């Protein structure tokens, strides 16, 4: 499974970095072939998935295009994905 294969839910939340020119980010559950597999963050305008955390075949946490924790502009997105993934696991 590649990050390009994931689709987003129509329900989710948005955020910005408050830096002019940065994309609006959309967080939602990530789907593969219509089944929920994890959580992702998309560029709201282009609808391109930027990063995702999915549940692997062996029920392990798998990162697709993991956000660099040292990227201060996107560190909030990584934290949001980690928190959202914990909620996903409980549902």
N, C-alpha and C. Protein backbone atom coordinates (compact mmCIF):
# COMPACT_ATOMS: atom_id res chain seq x y z
N UNK A 1 0.85 -1.18 0.00
CA UNK A 1 0.00 0.00 0.00
C UNK A 1 0.89 1.24 0.00
N UNK A 2 0.57 2.17 -0.87
CA UNK A 2 1.31 3.42 -0.96
C UNK A 2 0.43 4.55 -0.46
N UNK A 3 1.06 5.64 -0.09
CA UNK A 3 0.32 6.79 0.44
C UNK A 3 -0.67 7.33 -0.58
N UNK A 4 -0.35 7.19 -1.88
CA UNK A 4 -1.24 7.67 -2.93
C UNK A 4 -2.53 6.84 -3.01
N UNK A 5 -2.53 5.64 -2.43
CA UNK A 5 -3.69 4.76 -2.47
C UNK A 5 -4.72 5.10 -1.41
N UNK A 6 -4.38 5.97 -0.46
CA UNK A 6 -5.28 6.30 0.64
C UNK A 6 -6.26 7.38 0.24
N UNK A 7 -7.47 7.24 0.74
CA UNK A 7 -8.49 8.28 0.58
C UNK A 7 -8.88 8.78 1.96
N UNK A 8 -9.44 9.97 1.99
CA UNK A 8 -9.80 10.57 3.28
C UNK A 8 -11.30 10.52 3.50
N UNK A 9 -11.67 10.67 4.74
CA UNK A 9 -13.07 10.78 5.12
C UNK A 9 -13.55 12.19 4.79
N UNK A 10 -14.85 12.34 4.65
CA UNK A 10 -15.38 13.69 4.45
C UNK A 10 -15.47 14.44 5.78
N UNK A 11 -15.27 13.72 6.88
CA UNK A 11 -15.28 14.32 8.21
C UNK A 11 -13.86 14.38 8.74
N UNK A 12 -13.52 15.48 9.37
CA UNK A 12 -12.19 15.63 9.92
C UNK A 12 -12.03 17.01 10.50
N UNK A 13 -10.79 17.41 10.69
CA UNK A 13 -10.52 18.75 11.22
C UNK A 13 -9.43 19.40 10.39
N UNK A 14 -9.37 20.72 10.46
CA UNK A 14 -8.35 21.46 9.71
C UNK A 14 -7.48 22.25 10.67
N UNK A 15 -6.29 22.58 10.21
CA UNK A 15 -5.41 23.46 10.97
C UNK A 15 -4.47 24.15 10.01
N UNK A 16 -3.82 25.19 10.51
CA UNK A 16 -2.82 25.91 9.72
C UNK A 16 -1.60 26.15 10.60
N UNK A 17 -0.49 26.48 9.98
CA UNK A 17 0.71 26.82 10.74
C UNK A 17 0.79 28.32 10.99
N UNK A 18 -0.13 29.07 10.44
CA UNK A 18 -0.13 30.54 10.53
C UNK A 18 1.07 31.18 9.85
N UNK A 19 1.69 30.44 8.95
CA UNK A 19 2.79 30.98 8.16
C UNK A 19 2.24 31.23 6.75
N UNK A 20 2.29 32.47 6.26
CA UNK A 20 1.75 32.74 4.92
C UNK A 20 2.31 31.79 3.87
N UNK A 21 1.44 31.25 3.05
CA UNK A 21 1.85 30.36 1.98
C UNK A 21 1.83 28.89 2.37
N UNK A 22 1.79 28.59 3.67
CA UNK A 22 1.71 27.19 4.10
C UNK A 22 0.30 26.65 3.83
N UNK A 23 0.20 25.36 3.55
CA UNK A 23 -1.11 24.79 3.24
C UNK A 23 -2.00 24.66 4.48
N UNK A 24 -3.31 24.67 4.23
CA UNK A 24 -4.26 24.29 5.27
C UNK A 24 -4.22 22.77 5.32
N UNK A 25 -4.11 22.22 6.52
CA UNK A 25 -4.01 20.78 6.69
C UNK A 25 -5.36 20.21 7.09
N UNK A 26 -5.70 19.04 6.56
CA UNK A 26 -6.95 18.36 6.87
C UNK A 26 -6.62 16.99 7.45
N UNK A 27 -7.11 16.72 8.64
CA UNK A 27 -6.87 15.45 9.33
C UNK A 27 -8.13 14.61 9.30
N UNK A 28 -8.00 13.33 8.95
CA UNK A 28 -9.15 12.44 9.00
C UNK A 28 -8.68 11.00 9.02
N UNK A 29 -9.64 10.11 9.15
CA UNK A 29 -9.30 8.70 9.01
C UNK A 29 -8.86 8.45 7.58
N UNK A 30 -7.96 7.50 7.44
CA UNK A 30 -7.46 7.13 6.12
C UNK A 30 -8.11 5.80 5.72
N UNK A 31 -8.53 5.73 4.47
CA UNK A 31 -9.20 4.54 3.96
C UNK A 31 -8.40 3.95 2.81
N UNK A 32 -8.44 2.63 2.73
CA UNK A 32 -7.83 1.90 1.62
C UNK A 32 -8.89 0.95 1.08
N UNK A 33 -9.26 1.17 -0.17
CA UNK A 33 -10.31 0.37 -0.81
C UNK A 33 -11.59 0.35 0.03
N UNK A 34 -11.92 1.52 0.57
CA UNK A 34 -13.17 1.69 1.31
C UNK A 34 -13.14 1.25 2.76
N UNK A 35 -12.02 0.73 3.24
CA UNK A 35 -11.93 0.27 4.63
C UNK A 35 -11.00 1.18 5.43
N UNK A 36 -11.41 1.54 6.66
CA UNK A 36 -10.54 2.39 7.48
C UNK A 36 -9.28 1.64 7.88
N UNK A 37 -8.13 2.25 7.65
CA UNK A 37 -6.85 1.60 7.96
C UNK A 37 -5.97 2.42 8.89
N UNK A 38 -6.35 3.66 9.17
CA UNK A 38 -5.54 4.51 10.03
C UNK A 38 -5.98 5.96 9.94
N UNK A 39 -5.02 6.85 10.11
CA UNK A 39 -5.28 8.29 10.07
C UNK A 39 -4.28 8.96 9.14
N UNK A 40 -4.67 10.11 8.61
CA UNK A 40 -3.77 10.82 7.70
C UNK A 40 -3.96 12.32 7.77
N UNK A 41 -3.01 13.01 7.15
CA UNK A 41 -3.10 14.46 7.02
C UNK A 41 -2.95 14.79 5.54
N UNK A 42 -3.87 15.61 5.05
CA UNK A 42 -3.91 15.98 3.64
C UNK A 42 -3.72 17.48 3.48
N UNK A 43 -3.16 17.88 2.34
CA UNK A 43 -3.17 19.28 1.93
C UNK A 43 -4.61 19.55 1.51
N UNK A 44 -5.26 20.47 2.19
CA UNK A 44 -6.69 20.72 1.97
C UNK A 44 -6.99 21.11 0.52
N UNK A 45 -6.16 21.94 -0.07
CA UNK A 45 -6.42 22.45 -1.43
C UNK A 45 -6.19 21.38 -2.49
N UNK A 46 -5.07 20.67 -2.42
CA UNK A 46 -4.76 19.70 -3.48
C UNK A 46 -5.30 18.30 -3.19
N UNK A 47 -5.73 18.08 -1.93
CA UNK A 47 -6.22 16.78 -1.47
C UNK A 47 -5.15 15.69 -1.53
N UNK A 48 -3.87 16.10 -1.52
CA UNK A 48 -2.76 15.15 -1.52
C UNK A 48 -2.46 14.74 -0.08
N UNK A 49 -2.36 13.42 0.15
CA UNK A 49 -2.01 12.93 1.48
C UNK A 49 -0.53 13.19 1.72
N UNK A 50 -0.23 13.91 2.81
CA UNK A 50 1.14 14.28 3.13
C UNK A 50 1.82 13.25 4.03
N UNK A 51 1.05 12.64 4.92
CA UNK A 51 1.59 11.67 5.85
C UNK A 51 0.43 10.87 6.43
N UNK A 52 0.73 9.63 6.82
CA UNK A 52 -0.31 8.79 7.41
C UNK A 52 0.30 7.79 8.38
N UNK A 53 -0.52 7.36 9.33
CA UNK A 53 -0.17 6.26 10.21
C UNK A 53 -1.26 5.22 10.02
N UNK A 54 -0.88 4.02 9.65
CA UNK A 54 -1.86 2.97 9.40
C UNK A 54 -1.55 1.75 10.27
N UNK A 55 -2.54 0.88 10.39
CA UNK A 55 -2.38 -0.37 11.10
C UNK A 55 -1.90 -1.41 10.11
N UNK A 56 -0.70 -1.95 10.34
CA UNK A 56 -0.12 -2.91 9.42
C UNK A 56 -0.77 -4.28 9.50
N UNK A 57 -0.34 -5.17 8.64
CA UNK A 57 -0.89 -6.53 8.58
C UNK A 57 -0.75 -7.27 9.91
N UNK A 58 0.32 -6.99 10.63
CA UNK A 58 0.54 -7.66 11.91
C UNK A 58 0.10 -6.78 13.08
N UNK A 59 -0.81 -5.85 12.81
CA UNK A 59 -1.38 -4.93 13.80
C UNK A 59 -0.35 -3.97 14.39
N UNK A 60 0.74 -3.72 13.64
CA UNK A 60 1.75 -2.79 14.08
C UNK A 60 1.48 -1.41 13.48
N UNK A 61 2.06 -0.39 14.12
CA UNK A 61 1.93 0.99 13.64
C UNK A 61 2.89 1.17 12.47
N UNK A 62 2.37 1.60 11.32
CA UNK A 62 3.19 1.81 10.13
C UNK A 62 3.04 3.27 9.69
N UNK A 63 4.19 3.93 9.49
CA UNK A 63 4.19 5.31 9.02
C UNK A 63 4.36 5.32 7.50
N UNK A 64 3.55 6.10 6.82
CA UNK A 64 3.72 6.34 5.39
C UNK A 64 4.11 7.80 5.25
N UNK A 65 5.31 8.04 4.72
CA UNK A 65 5.85 9.39 4.56
C UNK A 65 5.86 10.11 5.91
N UNK A 66 6.55 9.51 6.89
CA UNK A 66 6.57 10.05 8.25
C UNK A 66 7.11 11.48 8.27
N UNK A 67 6.45 12.31 9.03
CA UNK A 67 6.87 13.70 9.21
C UNK A 67 8.10 13.72 10.10
N UNK A 68 9.10 14.47 9.70
CA UNK A 68 10.33 14.61 10.47
C UNK A 68 10.00 15.36 11.77
N UNK A 69 10.25 14.74 12.93
CA UNK A 69 9.93 15.42 14.19
C UNK A 69 10.72 16.70 14.40
N UNK A 70 11.81 16.89 13.66
CA UNK A 70 12.60 18.12 13.78
C UNK A 70 12.10 19.25 12.88
N UNK A 71 11.10 18.96 12.03
CA UNK A 71 10.51 19.97 11.17
C UNK A 71 9.51 20.78 11.99
N UNK A 72 9.95 21.90 12.50
CA UNK A 72 9.11 22.69 13.41
C UNK A 72 7.79 23.12 12.79
N UNK A 73 7.78 23.31 11.47
CA UNK A 73 6.54 23.73 10.80
C UNK A 73 5.50 22.62 10.79
N UNK A 74 5.95 21.35 10.82
CA UNK A 74 5.02 20.22 10.73
C UNK A 74 4.96 19.39 12.01
N UNK A 75 5.68 19.78 13.06
CA UNK A 75 5.71 18.98 14.28
C UNK A 75 4.33 18.87 14.91
N UNK A 76 3.52 19.90 14.79
CA UNK A 76 2.14 19.83 15.30
C UNK A 76 1.32 18.80 14.55
N UNK A 77 1.58 18.66 13.26
CA UNK A 77 0.86 17.66 12.46
C UNK A 77 1.23 16.26 12.90
N UNK A 78 2.50 16.02 13.20
CA UNK A 78 2.92 14.71 13.68
C UNK A 78 2.25 14.39 15.01
N UNK A 79 2.22 15.36 15.91
CA UNK A 79 1.56 15.15 17.21
C UNK A 79 0.07 14.85 17.02
N UNK A 80 -0.57 15.59 16.13
CA UNK A 80 -2.00 15.38 15.86
C UNK A 80 -2.25 13.98 15.29
N UNK A 81 -1.39 13.54 14.37
CA UNK A 81 -1.54 12.19 13.81
C UNK A 81 -1.36 11.13 14.88
N UNK A 82 -0.36 11.28 15.73
CA UNK A 82 -0.12 10.31 16.80
C UNK A 82 -1.34 10.22 17.73
N UNK A 83 -1.89 11.36 18.11
CA UNK A 83 -3.07 11.39 18.99
C UNK A 83 -4.29 10.77 18.29
N UNK A 84 -4.48 11.12 17.04
CA UNK A 84 -5.62 10.60 16.29
C UNK A 84 -5.51 9.10 16.09
N UNK A 85 -4.29 8.59 15.92
CA UNK A 85 -4.11 7.16 15.74
C UNK A 85 -4.51 6.40 17.00
N UNK A 86 -4.21 6.96 18.17
CA UNK A 86 -4.61 6.31 19.43
C UNK A 86 -6.14 6.22 19.51
N UNK A 87 -6.83 7.27 19.08
CA UNK A 87 -8.30 7.25 19.06
C UNK A 87 -8.79 6.21 18.06
N UNK A 88 -8.16 6.15 16.89
CA UNK A 88 -8.53 5.17 15.86
C UNK A 88 -8.44 3.75 16.42
N UNK A 89 -7.39 3.45 17.17
CA UNK A 89 -7.20 2.10 17.72
C UNK A 89 -8.30 1.72 18.70
N UNK A 90 -8.86 2.69 19.39
CA UNK A 90 -9.90 2.42 20.40
C UNK A 90 -11.28 2.21 19.77
N UNK A 91 -11.45 2.63 18.53
CA UNK A 91 -12.77 2.50 17.90
C UNK A 91 -12.92 1.20 17.17
